[in-house]
Amino acid sequence: AETSVLYVRFRAAAPELRALMEEMESRAMRREYHQLLSDCHVLYCEQRLGLLAPVVQDRLLEYSQAQPLTTLTRSGCSYLMQVCQLEHQLFEHFFPTAGSIDIALAPLLDPLCTVLYDILRPA
């Protein structure tokens, strides 16, 4: 429930910013607009990470306390895949023509996936 609120609120804000982002993306050939767009991507990822990291960590820790390693790995990977897909879709709502979404989302998705890695890694 908490996770869905994080998507609903952001998705509701997307239409207001979409036209502005499309305009910025259309001008991204110019260095200053490219930098501005890149800064928007970074800021977006920082905000999403601040909201999602505690929720993802709590969910994965919950899995780790209740499941054996193989089930934890399967459940954790499945959960992270779902989070990554939702984040990808949400990102596209804000930045509809972003060329390299994988690169733009790396500052968000890499730390989220590292949470599972840290839980699975032997101490």
N, C-alpha and C. Protein backbone atom coordinates (compact mmCIF):
# COMPACT_ATOMS: atom_id res chain seq x y z
N ALA A 1 0.82 -1.20 0.00
CA ALA A 1 0.00 0.00 0.00
C ALA A 1 0.87 1.26 0.00
N GLU A 2 1.91 1.25 0.83
CA GLU A 2 2.78 2.42 0.91
C GLU A 2 3.49 2.67 -0.42
N THR A 3 3.90 1.59 -1.07
CA THR A 3 4.59 1.73 -2.34
C THR A 3 3.67 2.29 -3.42
N SER A 4 2.42 1.86 -3.45
CA SER A 4 1.52 2.35 -4.49
C SER A 4 1.25 3.84 -4.34
N VAL A 5 1.24 4.35 -3.13
CA VAL A 5 1.07 5.79 -2.91
C VAL A 5 2.23 6.55 -3.53
N LEU A 6 3.42 5.99 -3.44
CA LEU A 6 4.60 6.65 -4.01
C LEU A 6 4.48 6.78 -5.53
N TYR A 7 3.83 5.84 -6.17
CA TYR A 7 3.66 5.90 -7.62
C TYR A 7 2.48 6.79 -8.01
N VAL A 8 1.40 6.68 -7.28
CA VAL A 8 0.20 7.46 -7.62
C VAL A 8 0.47 8.95 -7.53
N ARG A 9 1.13 9.38 -6.48
CA ARG A 9 1.41 10.81 -6.32
C ARG A 9 2.35 11.33 -7.40
N PHE A 10 3.38 10.59 -7.71
CA PHE A 10 4.30 11.04 -8.75
C PHE A 10 3.64 11.02 -10.11
N ARG A 11 2.88 9.97 -10.39
CA ARG A 11 2.21 9.86 -11.69
C ARG A 11 1.21 11.00 -11.87
N ALA A 12 0.57 11.42 -10.79
CA ALA A 12 -0.39 12.52 -10.86
C ALA A 12 0.29 13.84 -11.22
N ALA A 13 1.55 13.99 -10.83
CA ALA A 13 2.29 15.22 -11.11
C ALA A 13 2.86 15.23 -12.53
N ALA A 14 2.99 14.09 -13.14
CA ALA A 14 3.64 13.99 -14.45
C ALA A 14 3.01 14.84 -15.54
N PRO A 15 1.68 14.85 -15.70
CA PRO A 15 1.10 15.65 -16.80
C PRO A 15 1.45 17.14 -16.74
N GLU A 16 1.58 17.66 -15.53
CA GLU A 16 1.91 19.08 -15.40
C GLU A 16 3.31 19.39 -15.90
N LEU A 17 4.21 18.43 -15.76
CA LEU A 17 5.61 18.66 -16.13
C LEU A 17 5.97 18.08 -17.50
N ARG A 18 5.13 17.24 -18.02
CA ARG A 18 5.45 16.53 -19.27
C ARG A 18 5.75 17.47 -20.43
N ALA A 19 4.93 18.48 -20.63
CA ALA A 19 5.15 19.41 -21.74
C ALA A 19 6.49 20.13 -21.60
N LEU A 20 6.80 20.53 -20.39
CA LEU A 20 8.08 21.20 -20.14
C LEU A 20 9.25 20.26 -20.43
N MET A 21 9.14 19.03 -19.98
CA MET A 21 10.21 18.05 -20.22
C MET A 21 10.35 17.74 -21.71
N GLU A 22 9.23 17.64 -22.43
CA GLU A 22 9.29 17.39 -23.87
C GLU A 22 9.99 18.55 -24.58
N GLU A 23 9.70 19.74 -24.16
CA GLU A 23 10.35 20.92 -24.76
C GLU A 23 11.85 20.91 -24.47
N MET A 24 12.21 20.59 -23.25
CA MET A 24 13.63 20.52 -22.89
C MET A 24 14.33 19.42 -23.70
N GLU A 25 13.66 18.27 -23.84
CA GLU A 25 14.24 17.16 -24.60
C GLU A 25 14.41 17.53 -26.07
N SER A 26 13.47 18.30 -26.61
CA SER A 26 13.56 18.70 -28.02
C SER A 26 14.73 19.67 -28.25
N ARG A 27 15.14 20.35 -27.22
CA ARG A 27 16.26 21.31 -27.34
C ARG A 27 17.57 20.75 -26.80
N ALA A 28 17.58 19.49 -26.46
CA ALA A 28 18.75 18.90 -25.80
C ALA A 28 20.00 18.85 -26.68
N MET A 29 19.87 19.18 -27.96
CA MET A 29 21.05 19.23 -28.82
C MET A 29 21.98 20.37 -28.40
N ARG A 30 21.40 21.39 -27.82
CA ARG A 30 22.21 22.50 -27.30
C ARG A 30 22.75 22.11 -25.94
N ARG A 31 24.00 22.43 -25.72
CA ARG A 31 24.71 22.00 -24.51
C ARG A 31 24.00 22.40 -23.22
N GLU A 32 23.53 23.63 -23.14
CA GLU A 32 22.92 24.10 -21.90
C GLU A 32 21.61 23.37 -21.59
N TYR A 33 20.84 23.03 -22.63
CA TYR A 33 19.61 22.27 -22.42
C TYR A 33 19.90 20.82 -22.08
N HIS A 34 20.93 20.29 -22.71
CA HIS A 34 21.34 18.92 -22.40
C HIS A 34 21.75 18.82 -20.92
N GLN A 35 22.51 19.79 -20.45
CA GLN A 35 22.93 19.80 -19.05
C GLN A 35 21.74 19.98 -18.12
N LEU A 36 20.82 20.85 -18.48
CA LEU A 36 19.62 21.06 -17.67
C LEU A 36 18.78 19.79 -17.59
N LEU A 37 18.63 19.12 -18.71
CA LEU A 37 17.88 17.87 -18.73
C LEU A 37 18.58 16.80 -17.89
N SER A 38 19.89 16.73 -18.01
CA SER A 38 20.66 15.79 -17.21
C SER A 38 20.49 16.08 -15.71
N ASP A 39 20.50 17.34 -15.36
CA ASP A 39 20.29 17.73 -13.96
C ASP A 39 18.90 17.33 -13.49
N CYS A 40 17.91 17.46 -14.36
CA CYS A 40 16.55 17.03 -14.02
C CYS A 40 16.49 15.52 -13.78
N HIS A 41 17.19 14.76 -14.60
CA HIS A 41 17.24 13.30 -14.41
C HIS A 41 17.86 12.96 -13.07
N VAL A 42 18.97 13.61 -12.75
CA VAL A 42 19.66 13.34 -11.48
C VAL A 42 18.77 13.70 -10.30
N LEU A 43 18.15 14.86 -10.36
CA LEU A 43 17.27 15.28 -9.27
C LEU A 43 16.08 14.33 -9.12
N TYR A 44 15.51 13.93 -10.23
CA TYR A 44 14.41 12.97 -10.21
C TYR A 44 14.85 11.69 -9.49
N CYS A 45 16.00 11.16 -9.89
CA CYS A 45 16.50 9.91 -9.30
C CYS A 45 16.78 10.07 -7.81
N GLU A 46 17.35 11.19 -7.42
CA GLU A 46 17.63 11.43 -6.00
C GLU A 46 16.35 11.46 -5.18
N GLN A 47 15.32 12.11 -5.70
CA GLN A 47 14.05 12.19 -4.98
C GLN A 47 13.39 10.82 -4.89
N ARG A 48 13.38 10.10 -5.98
CA ARG A 48 12.78 8.76 -5.96
C ARG A 48 13.54 7.83 -5.03
N LEU A 49 14.87 7.91 -5.06
CA LEU A 49 15.67 7.04 -4.21
C LEU A 49 15.40 7.34 -2.74
N GLY A 50 15.29 8.61 -2.40
CA GLY A 50 14.99 8.97 -1.01
C GLY A 50 13.65 8.42 -0.54
N LEU A 51 12.71 8.33 -1.44
CA LEU A 51 11.40 7.79 -1.08
C LEU A 51 11.38 6.26 -1.08
N LEU A 52 12.03 5.66 -2.05
CA LEU A 52 11.94 4.21 -2.24
C LEU A 52 12.91 3.40 -1.40
N ALA A 53 14.10 3.90 -1.17
CA ALA A 53 15.13 3.10 -0.50
C ALA A 53 14.66 2.53 0.84
N PRO A 54 14.06 3.33 1.72
CA PRO A 54 13.61 2.74 2.99
C PRO A 54 12.53 1.67 2.82
N VAL A 55 11.63 1.87 1.87
CA VAL A 55 10.56 0.90 1.63
C VAL A 55 11.14 -0.40 1.08
N VAL A 56 12.03 -0.29 0.10
CA VAL A 56 12.67 -1.48 -0.49
C VAL A 56 13.50 -2.20 0.55
N GLN A 57 14.26 -1.46 1.32
CA GLN A 57 15.10 -2.10 2.35
C GLN A 57 14.24 -2.83 3.38
N ASP A 58 13.18 -2.19 3.83
CA ASP A 58 12.31 -2.85 4.81
C ASP A 58 11.70 -4.13 4.24
N ARG A 59 11.24 -4.07 2.99
CA ARG A 59 10.63 -5.25 2.38
C ARG A 59 11.64 -6.39 2.24
N LEU A 60 12.85 -6.06 1.78
CA LEU A 60 13.86 -7.10 1.59
C LEU A 60 14.35 -7.67 2.92
N LEU A 61 14.46 -6.82 3.93
CA LEU A 61 14.84 -7.33 5.25
C LEU A 61 13.75 -8.23 5.82
N GLU A 62 12.52 -7.87 5.56
CA GLU A 62 11.39 -8.70 5.97
C GLU A 62 11.48 -10.08 5.31
N TYR A 63 11.79 -10.09 4.02
CA TYR A 63 11.98 -11.36 3.31
C TYR A 63 13.13 -12.16 3.92
N SER A 64 14.22 -11.48 4.24
CA SER A 64 15.42 -12.18 4.71
C SER A 64 15.21 -12.83 6.07
N GLN A 65 14.33 -12.30 6.87
CA GLN A 65 14.08 -12.85 8.20
C GLN A 65 13.11 -14.02 8.16
N ALA A 66 12.33 -14.12 7.09
CA ALA A 66 11.28 -15.14 7.05
C ALA A 66 11.52 -16.25 6.04
N GLN A 67 12.57 -16.12 5.22
CA GLN A 67 12.72 -17.09 4.13
C GLN A 67 14.14 -17.64 4.07
N PRO A 68 14.27 -18.89 3.61
CA PRO A 68 15.61 -19.43 3.38
C PRO A 68 16.28 -18.71 2.20
N LEU A 69 17.56 -18.87 2.06
CA LEU A 69 18.35 -18.12 1.08
C LEU A 69 17.83 -18.25 -0.35
N THR A 70 17.48 -19.45 -0.78
CA THR A 70 17.01 -19.61 -2.16
C THR A 70 15.69 -18.89 -2.40
N THR A 71 14.79 -18.98 -1.45
CA THR A 71 13.50 -18.30 -1.58
C THR A 71 13.68 -16.80 -1.48
N LEU A 72 14.56 -16.36 -0.58
CA LEU A 72 14.87 -14.93 -0.46
C LEU A 72 15.42 -14.39 -1.77
N THR A 73 16.30 -15.13 -2.40
CA THR A 73 16.87 -14.70 -3.66
C THR A 73 15.80 -14.56 -4.73
N ARG A 74 14.95 -15.57 -4.84
CA ARG A 74 13.86 -15.52 -5.82
C ARG A 74 12.89 -14.39 -5.53
N SER A 75 12.45 -14.30 -4.30
CA SER A 75 11.48 -13.26 -3.91
C SER A 75 12.08 -11.87 -4.03
N GLY A 76 13.32 -11.73 -3.59
CA GLY A 76 13.98 -10.42 -3.66
C GLY A 76 14.18 -9.96 -5.09
N CYS A 77 14.62 -10.87 -5.95
CA CYS A 77 14.80 -10.51 -7.37
C CYS A 77 13.47 -10.19 -8.04
N SER A 78 12.46 -10.95 -7.74
CA SER A 78 11.14 -10.70 -8.31
C SER A 78 10.62 -9.34 -7.86
N TYR A 79 10.76 -9.04 -6.59
CA TYR A 79 10.31 -7.74 -6.07
C TYR A 79 11.08 -6.60 -6.72
N LEU A 80 12.40 -6.74 -6.83
CA LEU A 80 13.20 -5.68 -7.45
C LEU A 80 12.89 -5.52 -8.93
N MET A 81 12.60 -6.61 -9.61
CA MET A 81 12.21 -6.49 -11.02
C MET A 81 10.92 -5.69 -11.15
N GLN A 82 9.98 -5.95 -10.27
CA GLN A 82 8.72 -5.21 -10.29
C GLN A 82 8.97 -3.72 -10.00
N VAL A 83 9.79 -3.42 -9.01
CA VAL A 83 10.12 -2.03 -8.69
C VAL A 83 10.79 -1.36 -9.88
N CYS A 84 11.75 -2.04 -10.49
CA CYS A 84 12.46 -1.47 -11.65
C CYS A 84 11.52 -1.20 -12.82
N GLN A 85 10.61 -2.12 -13.09
CA GLN A 85 9.65 -1.91 -14.17
C GLN A 85 8.74 -0.73 -13.88
N LEU A 86 8.26 -0.63 -12.66
CA LEU A 86 7.40 0.50 -12.29
C LEU A 86 8.15 1.82 -12.37
N GLU A 87 9.41 1.82 -11.95
CA GLU A 87 10.22 3.03 -12.02
C GLU A 87 10.49 3.43 -13.47
N HIS A 88 10.72 2.46 -14.31
CA HIS A 88 10.94 2.73 -15.73
C HIS A 88 9.70 3.37 -16.34
N GLN A 89 8.54 2.81 -16.05
CA GLN A 89 7.28 3.35 -16.57
C GLN A 89 7.03 4.76 -16.05
N LEU A 90 7.29 4.97 -14.78
CA LEU A 90 7.08 6.29 -14.18
C LEU A 90 8.03 7.31 -14.78
N PHE A 91 9.27 6.91 -14.98
CA PHE A 91 10.26 7.81 -15.59
C PHE A 91 9.79 8.24 -16.98
N GLU A 92 9.23 7.31 -17.74
CA GLU A 92 8.74 7.63 -19.07
C GLU A 92 7.57 8.60 -19.05
N HIS A 93 6.83 8.63 -17.95
CA HIS A 93 5.74 9.61 -17.83
C HIS A 93 6.30 11.03 -17.71
N PHE A 94 7.45 11.17 -17.07
CA PHE A 94 8.06 12.49 -16.90
C PHE A 94 8.95 12.87 -18.08
N PHE A 95 9.69 11.91 -18.60
CA PHE A 95 10.65 12.15 -19.68
C PHE A 95 10.31 11.24 -20.85
N PRO A 96 9.31 11.59 -21.63
CA PRO A 96 8.75 10.67 -22.64
C PRO A 96 9.70 10.30 -23.77
N THR A 97 10.63 11.16 -24.11
CA THR A 97 11.50 10.84 -25.24
C THR A 97 12.95 10.67 -24.81
N ALA A 98 13.18 10.38 -23.55
CA ALA A 98 14.55 10.19 -23.07
C ALA A 98 15.20 9.07 -23.86
N GLY A 99 16.35 9.37 -24.43
CA GLY A 99 17.02 8.40 -25.29
C GLY A 99 17.64 7.24 -24.55
N SER A 100 18.39 7.51 -23.52
CA SER A 100 19.09 6.45 -22.81
C SER A 100 18.54 6.33 -21.39
N ILE A 101 17.38 5.72 -21.29
CA ILE A 101 16.70 5.61 -20.00
C ILE A 101 17.53 4.79 -19.03
N ASP A 102 18.18 3.74 -19.51
CA ASP A 102 18.98 2.89 -18.62
C ASP A 102 20.06 3.70 -17.92
N ILE A 103 20.72 4.55 -18.67
CA ILE A 103 21.78 5.38 -18.08
C ILE A 103 21.18 6.41 -17.13
N ALA A 104 20.08 7.01 -17.52
CA ALA A 104 19.45 8.04 -16.70
C ALA A 104 18.91 7.46 -15.39
N LEU A 105 18.44 6.22 -15.40
CA LEU A 105 17.87 5.60 -14.21
C LEU A 105 18.90 4.89 -13.33
N ALA A 106 20.11 4.73 -13.81
CA ALA A 106 21.14 4.02 -13.04
C ALA A 106 21.35 4.59 -11.63
N PRO A 107 21.37 5.92 -11.44
CA PRO A 107 21.54 6.43 -10.08
C PRO A 107 20.41 6.07 -9.12
N LEU A 108 19.28 5.66 -9.66
CA LEU A 108 18.16 5.23 -8.84
C LEU A 108 18.17 3.71 -8.66
N LEU A 109 18.29 2.99 -9.75
CA LEU A 109 18.13 1.53 -9.70
C LEU A 109 19.33 0.81 -9.11
N ASP A 110 20.53 1.28 -9.37
CA ASP A 110 21.72 0.62 -8.83
C ASP A 110 21.70 0.55 -7.30
N PRO A 111 21.46 1.66 -6.60
CA PRO A 111 21.42 1.57 -5.13
C PRO A 111 20.28 0.69 -4.61
N LEU A 112 19.15 0.69 -5.30
CA LEU A 112 18.05 -0.16 -4.85
C LEU A 112 18.42 -1.64 -4.97
N CYS A 113 19.08 -2.00 -6.06
CA CYS A 113 19.49 -3.40 -6.25
C CYS A 113 20.63 -3.78 -5.31
N THR A 114 21.43 -2.82 -4.93
CA THR A 114 22.53 -3.07 -4.00
C THR A 114 22.01 -3.50 -2.63
N VAL A 115 20.82 -3.07 -2.29
CA VAL A 115 20.22 -3.48 -1.01
C VAL A 115 20.10 -5.00 -0.96
N LEU A 116 19.59 -5.61 -2.00
CA LEU A 116 19.48 -7.07 -2.04
C LEU A 116 20.86 -7.71 -2.05
N TYR A 117 21.77 -7.15 -2.81
CA TYR A 117 23.13 -7.69 -2.85
C TYR A 117 23.73 -7.71 -1.45
N ASP A 118 23.56 -6.63 -0.71
CA ASP A 118 24.13 -6.55 0.63
C ASP A 118 23.49 -7.55 1.59
N ILE A 119 22.21 -7.82 1.40
CA ILE A 119 21.53 -8.82 2.25
C ILE A 119 22.00 -10.23 1.91
N LEU A 120 22.20 -10.50 0.62
CA LEU A 120 22.61 -11.84 0.18
C LEU A 120 24.09 -12.13 0.41
N ARG A 121 24.90 -11.11 0.42
CA ARG A 121 26.35 -11.27 0.56
C ARG A 121 26.69 -11.82 1.94
N PRO A 122 27.54 -12.82 2.01
CA PRO A 122 27.93 -13.35 3.32
C PRO A 122 28.70 -12.30 4.12
N ALA A 123 28.49 -12.32 5.41
CA ALA A 123 29.14 -11.32 6.28
C ALA A 123 30.62 -11.59 6.46
